[in-house]
Amino acid sequence: MSSYTTMYDRILVPTDGSAEGEHALEYAIELARTHDAAIRAVYVVNAASYGGLPMETAWDGISDALREEGETAVRRVRELAPEDVPVETIVLEGSPSRVIVDEAAPEQCDLVVMGTHGRGGIDRLLLGSVTERVVRQCPVPVLTVRLDADEQESSATEAQATVE
């Protein structure tokens, strides 16, 4: 067994702007502080999911709204990160898993920290998983953080309290 210390200089954190996603961000911030690393937050506008809209829908308006949503999401990352953690943000467009993998090129990032909802079985098969695709294709390590862990923990606590 080799003994070496893994150091991270840049940690990629995909964000969707959700409160649940902040749970993964908390992990990334702690890792960044521990390793004196920078965070690169990315929001991916998934234009493909809006391909079924009627032709008369103004794409420019939708595109602007989606980009603004992305800017809000990455701004939130900057707000949550302490001053001693450098944060770089970017809003990109494309297939989320492909963009995340491309952004995680070894020359750019040492680690990806992203959330997962922990779905299994038929749910994962039907819904797909950006996180799963990133884990399978990413050239750098990926740390997945279970986003619904707090919800499960509070449900278990409530169930135990009901039994007692």
N, C-alpha and C. Protein backbone atom coordinates (compact mmCIF):
# COMPACT_ATOMS: atom_id res chain seq x y z
N MET A 1 0.85 -1.16 0.00
CA MET A 1 0.00 0.00 0.00
C MET A 1 0.90 1.23 0.00
N SER A 2 0.64 2.13 -0.92
CA SER A 2 1.46 3.34 -0.97
C SER A 2 0.91 4.38 0.00
N SER A 3 1.82 5.15 0.55
CA SER A 3 1.36 6.21 1.45
C SER A 3 1.66 7.56 0.81
N TYR A 4 0.61 8.24 0.45
CA TYR A 4 0.74 9.56 -0.12
C TYR A 4 -0.48 10.39 0.28
N THR A 5 -0.29 11.65 0.23
CA THR A 5 -1.38 12.55 0.60
C THR A 5 -2.01 13.09 -0.67
N THR A 6 -3.31 12.93 -0.76
CA THR A 6 -4.02 13.47 -1.90
C THR A 6 -4.26 14.96 -1.65
N MET A 7 -3.84 15.75 -2.60
CA MET A 7 -4.04 17.19 -2.48
C MET A 7 -4.96 17.64 -3.60
N TYR A 8 -5.83 18.52 -3.28
CA TYR A 8 -6.73 19.09 -4.28
C TYR A 8 -6.41 20.57 -4.41
N ASP A 9 -6.28 21.03 -5.65
CA ASP A 9 -6.08 22.45 -5.90
C ASP A 9 -7.36 23.12 -6.37
N ARG A 10 -8.12 22.41 -7.21
CA ARG A 10 -9.39 22.95 -7.74
C ARG A 10 -10.46 21.88 -7.66
N ILE A 11 -11.56 22.23 -7.05
CA ILE A 11 -12.68 21.32 -6.86
C ILE A 11 -13.86 21.82 -7.68
N LEU A 12 -14.34 20.98 -8.58
CA LEU A 12 -15.49 21.33 -9.41
C LEU A 12 -16.77 20.97 -8.67
N VAL A 13 -17.68 21.93 -8.59
CA VAL A 13 -18.97 21.71 -7.93
C VAL A 13 -20.10 22.09 -8.88
N PRO A 14 -20.73 21.09 -9.50
CA PRO A 14 -21.91 21.40 -10.31
C PRO A 14 -23.04 21.82 -9.38
N THR A 15 -23.80 22.83 -9.76
CA THR A 15 -24.91 23.28 -8.93
C THR A 15 -26.16 23.44 -9.76
N ASP A 16 -27.29 23.18 -9.14
CA ASP A 16 -28.57 23.40 -9.81
C ASP A 16 -29.36 24.50 -9.10
N GLY A 17 -28.74 25.10 -8.09
CA GLY A 17 -29.38 26.19 -7.38
C GLY A 17 -30.36 25.76 -6.31
N SER A 18 -30.53 24.46 -6.11
CA SER A 18 -31.50 23.98 -5.12
C SER A 18 -30.90 24.01 -3.72
N ALA A 19 -31.79 24.07 -2.74
CA ALA A 19 -31.35 24.02 -1.35
C ALA A 19 -30.70 22.68 -1.05
N GLU A 20 -31.21 21.60 -1.66
CA GLU A 20 -30.61 20.29 -1.45
C GLU A 20 -29.18 20.25 -1.97
N GLY A 21 -28.95 20.90 -3.10
CA GLY A 21 -27.61 20.93 -3.69
C GLY A 21 -26.59 21.62 -2.80
N GLU A 22 -27.06 22.47 -1.91
CA GLU A 22 -26.14 23.15 -1.00
C GLU A 22 -25.47 22.16 -0.05
N HIS A 23 -26.10 21.01 0.16
CA HIS A 23 -25.50 19.98 1.02
C HIS A 23 -24.17 19.50 0.42
N ALA A 24 -24.13 19.27 -0.89
CA ALA A 24 -22.89 18.88 -1.58
C ALA A 24 -21.89 20.03 -1.54
N LEU A 25 -22.38 21.25 -1.69
CA LEU A 25 -21.51 22.41 -1.64
C LEU A 25 -20.80 22.53 -0.28
N GLU A 26 -21.51 22.22 0.79
CA GLU A 26 -20.90 22.25 2.13
C GLU A 26 -19.69 21.31 2.20
N TYR A 27 -19.83 20.11 1.64
CA TYR A 27 -18.70 19.18 1.60
C TYR A 27 -17.54 19.78 0.81
N ALA A 28 -17.86 20.34 -0.35
CA ALA A 28 -16.83 20.91 -1.21
C ALA A 28 -16.10 22.05 -0.50
N ILE A 29 -16.83 22.89 0.20
CA ILE A 29 -16.23 24.01 0.92
C ILE A 29 -15.27 23.50 2.00
N GLU A 30 -15.70 22.49 2.75
CA GLU A 30 -14.83 21.94 3.79
C GLU A 30 -13.56 21.32 3.19
N LEU A 31 -13.71 20.61 2.09
CA LEU A 31 -12.53 20.04 1.42
C LEU A 31 -11.62 21.15 0.91
N ALA A 32 -12.19 22.19 0.35
CA ALA A 32 -11.40 23.31 -0.15
C ALA A 32 -10.63 23.97 0.98
N ARG A 33 -11.27 24.15 2.11
CA ARG A 33 -10.58 24.75 3.27
C ARG A 33 -9.45 23.84 3.75
N THR A 34 -9.71 22.56 3.84
CA THR A 34 -8.71 21.61 4.32
C THR A 34 -7.50 21.56 3.40
N HIS A 35 -7.73 21.61 2.10
CA HIS A 35 -6.66 21.45 1.12
C HIS A 35 -6.18 22.77 0.53
N ASP A 36 -6.69 23.88 1.07
CA ASP A 36 -6.32 25.19 0.55
C ASP A 36 -6.56 25.25 -0.96
N ALA A 37 -7.75 24.79 -1.36
CA ALA A 37 -8.11 24.68 -2.77
C ALA A 37 -9.14 25.73 -3.16
N ALA A 38 -9.31 25.88 -4.45
CA ALA A 38 -10.33 26.77 -5.01
C ALA A 38 -11.52 25.93 -5.47
N ILE A 39 -12.67 26.56 -5.48
CA ILE A 39 -13.89 25.91 -5.97
C ILE A 39 -14.23 26.52 -7.33
N ARG A 40 -14.58 25.65 -8.26
CA ARG A 40 -15.09 26.08 -9.56
C ARG A 40 -16.53 25.59 -9.63
N ALA A 41 -17.47 26.51 -9.52
CA ALA A 41 -18.89 26.16 -9.55
C ALA A 41 -19.41 26.30 -10.98
N VAL A 42 -20.13 25.28 -11.44
CA VAL A 42 -20.67 25.30 -12.79
C VAL A 42 -22.17 25.01 -12.75
N TYR A 43 -22.91 25.79 -13.50
CA TYR A 43 -24.33 25.55 -13.72
C TYR A 43 -24.49 25.28 -15.19
N VAL A 44 -25.19 24.21 -15.53
CA VAL A 44 -25.36 23.85 -16.93
C VAL A 44 -26.81 24.06 -17.34
N VAL A 45 -27.00 24.94 -18.31
CA VAL A 45 -28.32 25.16 -18.89
C VAL A 45 -28.56 24.00 -19.85
N ASN A 46 -29.53 23.17 -19.54
CA ASN A 46 -29.83 21.99 -20.35
C ASN A 46 -30.87 22.37 -21.40
N ALA A 47 -30.41 22.91 -22.51
CA ALA A 47 -31.30 23.37 -23.57
C ALA A 47 -32.12 22.24 -24.17
N ALA A 48 -31.60 21.02 -24.17
CA ALA A 48 -32.29 19.88 -24.77
C ALA A 48 -33.63 19.60 -24.09
N SER A 49 -33.73 19.89 -22.81
CA SER A 49 -34.97 19.58 -22.10
C SER A 49 -36.10 20.53 -22.48
N TYR A 50 -35.79 21.58 -23.22
CA TYR A 50 -36.82 22.53 -23.65
C TYR A 50 -37.07 22.45 -25.15
N GLY A 51 -36.59 21.37 -25.78
CA GLY A 51 -36.73 21.19 -27.21
C GLY A 51 -38.16 20.93 -27.66
N GLY A 52 -39.03 20.50 -26.77
CA GLY A 52 -40.40 20.18 -27.13
C GLY A 52 -41.36 21.35 -27.05
N LEU A 53 -40.86 22.53 -26.79
CA LEU A 53 -41.74 23.70 -26.70
C LEU A 53 -42.28 24.07 -28.07
N PRO A 54 -43.47 24.67 -28.13
CA PRO A 54 -44.04 25.08 -29.41
C PRO A 54 -43.13 26.05 -30.14
N MET A 55 -43.18 26.00 -31.47
CA MET A 55 -42.32 26.85 -32.31
C MET A 55 -42.50 28.33 -32.00
N GLU A 56 -43.71 28.74 -31.63
CA GLU A 56 -43.94 30.17 -31.41
C GLU A 56 -43.34 30.68 -30.09
N THR A 57 -42.86 29.76 -29.27
CA THR A 57 -42.23 30.17 -28.01
C THR A 57 -40.92 30.88 -28.34
N ALA A 58 -40.73 32.01 -27.72
CA ALA A 58 -39.51 32.80 -27.98
C ALA A 58 -38.33 32.16 -27.24
N TRP A 59 -37.43 31.48 -27.99
CA TRP A 59 -36.29 30.83 -27.39
C TRP A 59 -35.38 31.81 -26.67
N ASP A 60 -35.25 33.02 -27.23
CA ASP A 60 -34.37 34.02 -26.60
C ASP A 60 -34.82 34.30 -25.18
N GLY A 61 -36.12 34.43 -24.97
CA GLY A 61 -36.64 34.70 -23.63
C GLY A 61 -36.39 33.55 -22.69
N ILE A 62 -36.58 32.33 -23.18
CA ILE A 62 -36.34 31.15 -22.35
C ILE A 62 -34.86 31.02 -22.04
N SER A 63 -34.04 31.19 -23.05
CA SER A 63 -32.59 31.11 -22.87
C SER A 63 -32.11 32.13 -21.84
N ASP A 64 -32.62 33.35 -21.94
CA ASP A 64 -32.24 34.40 -20.98
C ASP A 64 -32.68 34.02 -19.57
N ALA A 65 -33.89 33.48 -19.44
CA ALA A 65 -34.40 33.10 -18.12
C ALA A 65 -33.56 31.97 -17.53
N LEU A 66 -33.20 31.00 -18.36
CA LEU A 66 -32.40 29.88 -17.87
C LEU A 66 -30.99 30.34 -17.48
N ARG A 67 -30.42 31.23 -18.25
CA ARG A 67 -29.09 31.77 -17.91
C ARG A 67 -29.15 32.57 -16.60
N GLU A 68 -30.22 33.33 -16.43
CA GLU A 68 -30.38 34.11 -15.19
C GLU A 68 -30.51 33.16 -13.99
N GLU A 69 -31.25 32.07 -14.18
CA GLU A 69 -31.37 31.06 -13.12
C GLU A 69 -29.98 30.51 -12.78
N GLY A 70 -29.18 30.26 -13.80
CA GLY A 70 -27.82 29.78 -13.59
C GLY A 70 -26.95 30.79 -12.87
N GLU A 71 -27.06 32.06 -13.26
CA GLU A 71 -26.28 33.11 -12.59
C GLU A 71 -26.66 33.21 -11.11
N THR A 72 -27.94 33.06 -10.83
CA THR A 72 -28.40 33.09 -9.44
C THR A 72 -27.81 31.91 -8.66
N ALA A 73 -27.79 30.74 -9.28
CA ALA A 73 -27.27 29.54 -8.63
C ALA A 73 -25.78 29.68 -8.30
N VAL A 74 -24.98 30.17 -9.26
CA VAL A 74 -23.54 30.28 -9.00
C VAL A 74 -23.24 31.46 -8.06
N ARG A 75 -24.07 32.47 -8.09
CA ARG A 75 -23.90 33.58 -7.15
C ARG A 75 -24.11 33.08 -5.72
N ARG A 76 -25.04 32.15 -5.55
CA ARG A 76 -25.31 31.57 -4.23
C ARG A 76 -24.07 30.82 -3.73
N VAL A 77 -23.36 30.16 -4.62
CA VAL A 77 -22.12 29.46 -4.22
C VAL A 77 -21.13 30.48 -3.68
N ARG A 78 -20.99 31.61 -4.38
CA ARG A 78 -20.07 32.66 -3.90
C ARG A 78 -20.49 33.18 -2.54
N GLU A 79 -21.80 33.30 -2.32
CA GLU A 79 -22.31 33.81 -1.04
C GLU A 79 -22.02 32.84 0.11
N LEU A 80 -22.13 31.54 -0.15
CA LEU A 80 -21.96 30.54 0.90
C LEU A 80 -20.50 30.25 1.23
N ALA A 81 -19.62 30.44 0.27
CA ALA A 81 -18.21 30.15 0.50
C ALA A 81 -17.58 31.24 1.37
N PRO A 82 -16.80 30.85 2.37
CA PRO A 82 -16.12 31.84 3.19
C PRO A 82 -15.04 32.56 2.38
N GLU A 83 -14.60 33.69 2.89
CA GLU A 83 -13.62 34.51 2.17
C GLU A 83 -12.31 33.79 1.90
N ASP A 84 -11.94 32.82 2.75
CA ASP A 84 -10.67 32.13 2.57
C ASP A 84 -10.73 31.01 1.51
N VAL A 85 -11.89 30.83 0.87
CA VAL A 85 -12.03 29.83 -0.20
C VAL A 85 -12.31 30.56 -1.51
N PRO A 86 -11.33 30.55 -2.41
CA PRO A 86 -11.54 31.21 -3.70
C PRO A 86 -12.61 30.47 -4.51
N VAL A 87 -13.50 31.24 -5.14
CA VAL A 87 -14.58 30.66 -5.94
C VAL A 87 -14.57 31.26 -7.33
N GLU A 88 -14.62 30.40 -8.30
CA GLU A 88 -14.73 30.77 -9.71
C GLU A 88 -16.06 30.19 -10.18
N THR A 89 -16.83 30.96 -10.95
CA THR A 89 -18.13 30.46 -11.39
C THR A 89 -18.27 30.58 -12.89
N ILE A 90 -19.11 29.68 -13.43
CA ILE A 90 -19.36 29.72 -14.87
C ILE A 90 -20.74 29.11 -15.14
N VAL A 91 -21.44 29.68 -16.12
CA VAL A 91 -22.71 29.14 -16.59
C VAL A 91 -22.49 28.70 -18.03
N LEU A 92 -22.76 27.43 -18.30
CA LEU A 92 -22.54 26.87 -19.63
C LEU A 92 -23.83 26.24 -20.14
N GLU A 93 -23.86 25.91 -21.41
CA GLU A 93 -25.03 25.31 -22.01
C GLU A 93 -24.65 23.98 -22.64
N GLY A 94 -25.53 22.99 -22.53
CA GLY A 94 -25.29 21.69 -23.14
C GLY A 94 -25.89 20.57 -22.33
N SER A 95 -25.41 19.37 -22.61
CA SER A 95 -25.83 18.19 -21.85
C SER A 95 -25.11 18.25 -20.50
N PRO A 96 -25.84 18.28 -19.38
CA PRO A 96 -25.19 18.45 -18.08
C PRO A 96 -24.04 17.47 -17.82
N SER A 97 -24.26 16.19 -18.03
CA SER A 97 -23.18 15.24 -17.72
C SER A 97 -21.97 15.47 -18.61
N ARG A 98 -22.16 15.72 -19.89
CA ARG A 98 -21.05 15.95 -20.81
C ARG A 98 -20.28 17.21 -20.43
N VAL A 99 -20.99 18.29 -20.13
CA VAL A 99 -20.34 19.56 -19.78
C VAL A 99 -19.54 19.39 -18.48
N ILE A 100 -20.12 18.71 -17.50
CA ILE A 100 -19.43 18.51 -16.22
C ILE A 100 -18.15 17.70 -16.44
N VAL A 101 -18.23 16.62 -17.20
CA VAL A 101 -17.05 15.80 -17.48
C VAL A 101 -15.99 16.63 -18.21
N ASP A 102 -16.41 17.42 -19.19
CA ASP A 102 -15.46 18.27 -19.92
C ASP A 102 -14.81 19.29 -19.00
N GLU A 103 -15.57 19.85 -18.08
CA GLU A 103 -15.05 20.85 -17.14
C GLU A 103 -14.10 20.22 -16.12
N ALA A 104 -14.22 18.91 -15.93
CA ALA A 104 -13.40 18.22 -14.93
C ALA A 104 -12.10 17.67 -15.51
N ALA A 105 -11.71 18.15 -16.68
CA ALA A 105 -10.46 17.68 -17.26
C ALA A 105 -9.35 17.81 -16.24
N PRO A 106 -8.45 16.84 -16.20
CA PRO A 106 -7.38 16.85 -15.19
C PRO A 106 -6.57 18.14 -15.14
N GLU A 107 -6.46 18.85 -16.25
CA GLU A 107 -5.72 20.11 -16.24
C GLU A 107 -6.47 21.20 -15.49
N GLN A 108 -7.76 21.01 -15.33
CA GLN A 108 -8.60 22.05 -14.73
C GLN A 108 -8.99 21.77 -13.29
N CYS A 109 -9.36 20.52 -13.00
CA CYS A 109 -9.86 20.18 -11.67
C CYS A 109 -9.28 18.85 -11.20
N ASP A 110 -9.19 18.71 -9.88
CA ASP A 110 -8.65 17.50 -9.27
C ASP A 110 -9.74 16.60 -8.71
N LEU A 111 -10.93 17.16 -8.51
CA LEU A 111 -12.02 16.44 -7.86
C LEU A 111 -13.33 17.08 -8.26
N VAL A 112 -14.36 16.25 -8.38
CA VAL A 112 -15.73 16.74 -8.59
C VAL A 112 -16.52 16.36 -7.36
N VAL A 113 -17.27 17.31 -6.79
CA VAL A 113 -18.15 17.03 -5.67
C VAL A 113 -19.56 17.37 -6.13
N MET A 114 -20.42 16.35 -6.14
CA MET A 114 -21.78 16.61 -6.60
C MET A 114 -22.77 15.75 -5.83
N GLY A 115 -24.00 16.21 -5.84
CA GLY A 115 -25.05 15.53 -5.11
C GLY A 115 -25.69 14.42 -5.91
N THR A 116 -26.31 13.50 -5.16
CA THR A 116 -27.10 12.45 -5.75
C THR A 116 -28.33 12.25 -4.87
N HIS A 117 -29.41 11.89 -5.50
CA HIS A 117 -30.65 11.67 -4.74
C HIS A 117 -30.76 10.26 -4.22
N GLY A 118 -29.81 9.40 -4.56
CA GLY A 118 -29.80 8.05 -4.02
C GLY A 118 -30.92 7.17 -4.55
N ARG A 119 -31.43 7.48 -5.73
CA ARG A 119 -32.46 6.64 -6.31
C ARG A 119 -31.84 5.33 -6.74
N GLY A 120 -32.63 4.30 -6.72
CA GLY A 120 -32.15 3.00 -7.18
C GLY A 120 -33.21 2.32 -8.01
N GLY A 121 -32.87 1.17 -8.51
CA GLY A 121 -33.82 0.33 -9.23
C GLY A 121 -34.49 1.03 -10.39
N ILE A 122 -35.80 0.88 -10.46
CA ILE A 122 -36.57 1.37 -11.60
C ILE A 122 -36.54 2.90 -11.68
N ASP A 123 -36.50 3.59 -10.53
CA ASP A 123 -36.44 5.06 -10.56
C ASP A 123 -35.20 5.53 -11.30
N ARG A 124 -34.06 4.93 -11.00
CA ARG A 124 -32.82 5.34 -11.65
C ARG A 124 -32.87 5.00 -13.14
N LEU A 125 -33.42 3.83 -13.44
CA LEU A 125 -33.51 3.40 -14.83
C LEU A 125 -34.39 4.36 -15.64
N LEU A 126 -35.53 4.74 -15.09
CA LEU A 126 -36.46 5.60 -15.81
C LEU A 126 -36.02 7.06 -15.84
N LEU A 127 -35.48 7.53 -14.73
CA LEU A 127 -35.13 8.94 -14.62
C LEU A 127 -33.73 9.24 -15.13
N GLY A 128 -32.87 8.24 -15.17
CA GLY A 128 -31.49 8.50 -15.53
C GLY A 128 -30.80 9.22 -14.39
N SER A 129 -29.52 9.45 -14.53
CA SER A 129 -28.81 10.14 -13.47
C SER A 129 -27.59 10.86 -14.04
N VAL A 130 -27.62 12.16 -13.93
CA VAL A 130 -26.46 12.95 -14.36
C VAL A 130 -25.25 12.51 -13.54
N THR A 131 -25.45 12.35 -12.25
CA THR A 131 -24.34 11.96 -11.37
C THR A 131 -23.76 10.62 -11.79
N GLU A 132 -24.61 9.66 -12.08
CA GLU A 132 -24.10 8.35 -12.48
C GLU A 132 -23.29 8.44 -13.77
N ARG A 133 -23.76 9.21 -14.75
CA ARG A 133 -23.01 9.36 -16.00
C ARG A 133 -21.67 10.04 -15.75
N VAL A 134 -21.66 11.04 -14.87
CA VAL A 134 -20.40 11.72 -14.55
C VAL A 134 -19.43 10.75 -13.88
N VAL A 135 -19.91 9.98 -12.92
CA VAL A 135 -19.05 9.02 -12.22
C VAL A 135 -18.43 8.04 -13.22
N ARG A 136 -19.21 7.58 -14.17
CA ARG A 136 -18.72 6.58 -15.13
C ARG A 136 -17.73 7.17 -16.14
N GLN A 137 -17.87 8.46 -16.49
CA GLN A 137 -17.08 9.04 -17.57
C GLN A 137 -15.99 9.99 -17.13
N CYS A 138 -16.00 10.40 -15.89
CA CYS A 138 -15.12 11.47 -15.43
C CYS A 138 -13.66 11.01 -15.32
N PRO A 139 -12.73 11.83 -15.80
CA PRO A 139 -11.31 11.48 -15.74
C PRO A 139 -10.67 11.75 -14.37
N VAL A 140 -11.40 12.41 -13.46
CA VAL A 140 -10.89 12.69 -12.12
C VAL A 140 -11.86 12.08 -11.10
N PRO A 141 -11.42 11.91 -9.86
CA PRO A 141 -12.31 11.34 -8.84
C PRO A 141 -13.58 12.18 -8.65
N VAL A 142 -14.67 11.48 -8.33
CA VAL A 142 -15.96 12.13 -8.09
C VAL A 142 -16.43 11.72 -6.69
N LEU A 143 -16.70 12.72 -5.85
CA LEU A 143 -17.25 12.48 -4.53
C LEU A 143 -18.75 12.77 -4.62
N THR A 144 -19.57 11.76 -4.35
CA THR A 144 -21.01 11.98 -4.40
C THR A 144 -21.53 12.15 -2.98
N VAL A 145 -22.43 13.11 -2.83
CA VAL A 145 -23.00 13.43 -1.53
C VAL A 145 -24.50 13.18 -1.63
N ARG A 146 -25.00 12.35 -0.77
CA ARG A 146 -26.43 12.00 -0.78
C ARG A 146 -27.22 13.23 -0.36
N LEU A 147 -28.05 13.74 -1.27
CA LEU A 147 -28.78 14.98 -1.02
C LEU A 147 -29.96 14.80 -0.09
N ASP A 148 -30.53 13.62 -0.06
CA ASP A 148 -31.71 13.42 0.78
C ASP A 148 -31.37 12.76 2.11
N ALA A 149 -30.12 12.76 2.51
CA ALA A 149 -29.70 12.12 3.75
C ALA A 149 -30.36 12.77 4.97
N ASP A 150 -30.44 14.10 4.99
CA ASP A 150 -31.06 14.79 6.12
C ASP A 150 -32.53 14.42 6.23
N GLU A 151 -33.20 14.34 5.07
CA GLU A 151 -34.62 14.00 5.04
C GLU A 151 -34.83 12.60 5.61
N GLN A 152 -33.98 11.65 5.20
CA GLN A 152 -34.11 10.28 5.70
C GLN A 152 -33.82 10.22 7.19
N GLU A 153 -32.83 10.97 7.64
CA GLU A 153 -32.47 10.98 9.05
C GLU A 153 -33.60 11.54 9.89
N SER A 154 -34.23 12.65 9.43
CA SER A 154 -35.32 13.23 10.20
C SER A 154 -36.53 12.32 10.18
N SER A 155 -36.78 11.60 9.08
CA SER A 155 -37.89 10.66 9.02
C SER A 155 -37.67 9.51 10.00
N ALA A 156 -36.42 9.02 10.07
CA ALA A 156 -36.11 7.93 10.99
C ALA A 156 -36.27 8.39 12.43
N THR A 157 -35.86 9.61 12.74
CA THR A 157 -36.00 10.16 14.08
C THR A 157 -37.47 10.30 14.44
N GLU A 158 -38.27 10.81 13.50
CA GLU A 158 -39.71 10.96 13.74
C GLU A 158 -40.36 9.61 13.95
N ALA A 159 -39.97 8.59 13.16
CA ALA A 159 -40.54 7.26 13.30
C ALA A 159 -40.19 6.66 14.66
N GLN A 160 -38.96 6.85 15.10
CA GLN A 160 -38.53 6.34 16.39
C GLN A 160 -39.30 7.03 17.51
N ALA A 161 -39.51 8.34 17.41
CA ALA A 161 -40.24 9.08 18.43
C ALA A 161 -41.69 8.60 18.50
N THR A 162 -42.27 8.23 17.36
CA THR A 162 -43.65 7.75 17.32
C THR A 162 -43.77 6.41 18.02
N VAL A 163 -42.76 5.54 17.84
CA VAL A 163 -42.78 4.21 18.45
C VAL A 163 -42.66 4.31 19.96
N GLU A 164 -41.87 5.23 20.44
CA GLU A 164 -41.64 5.37 21.89
C GLU A 164 -42.82 6.00 22.50
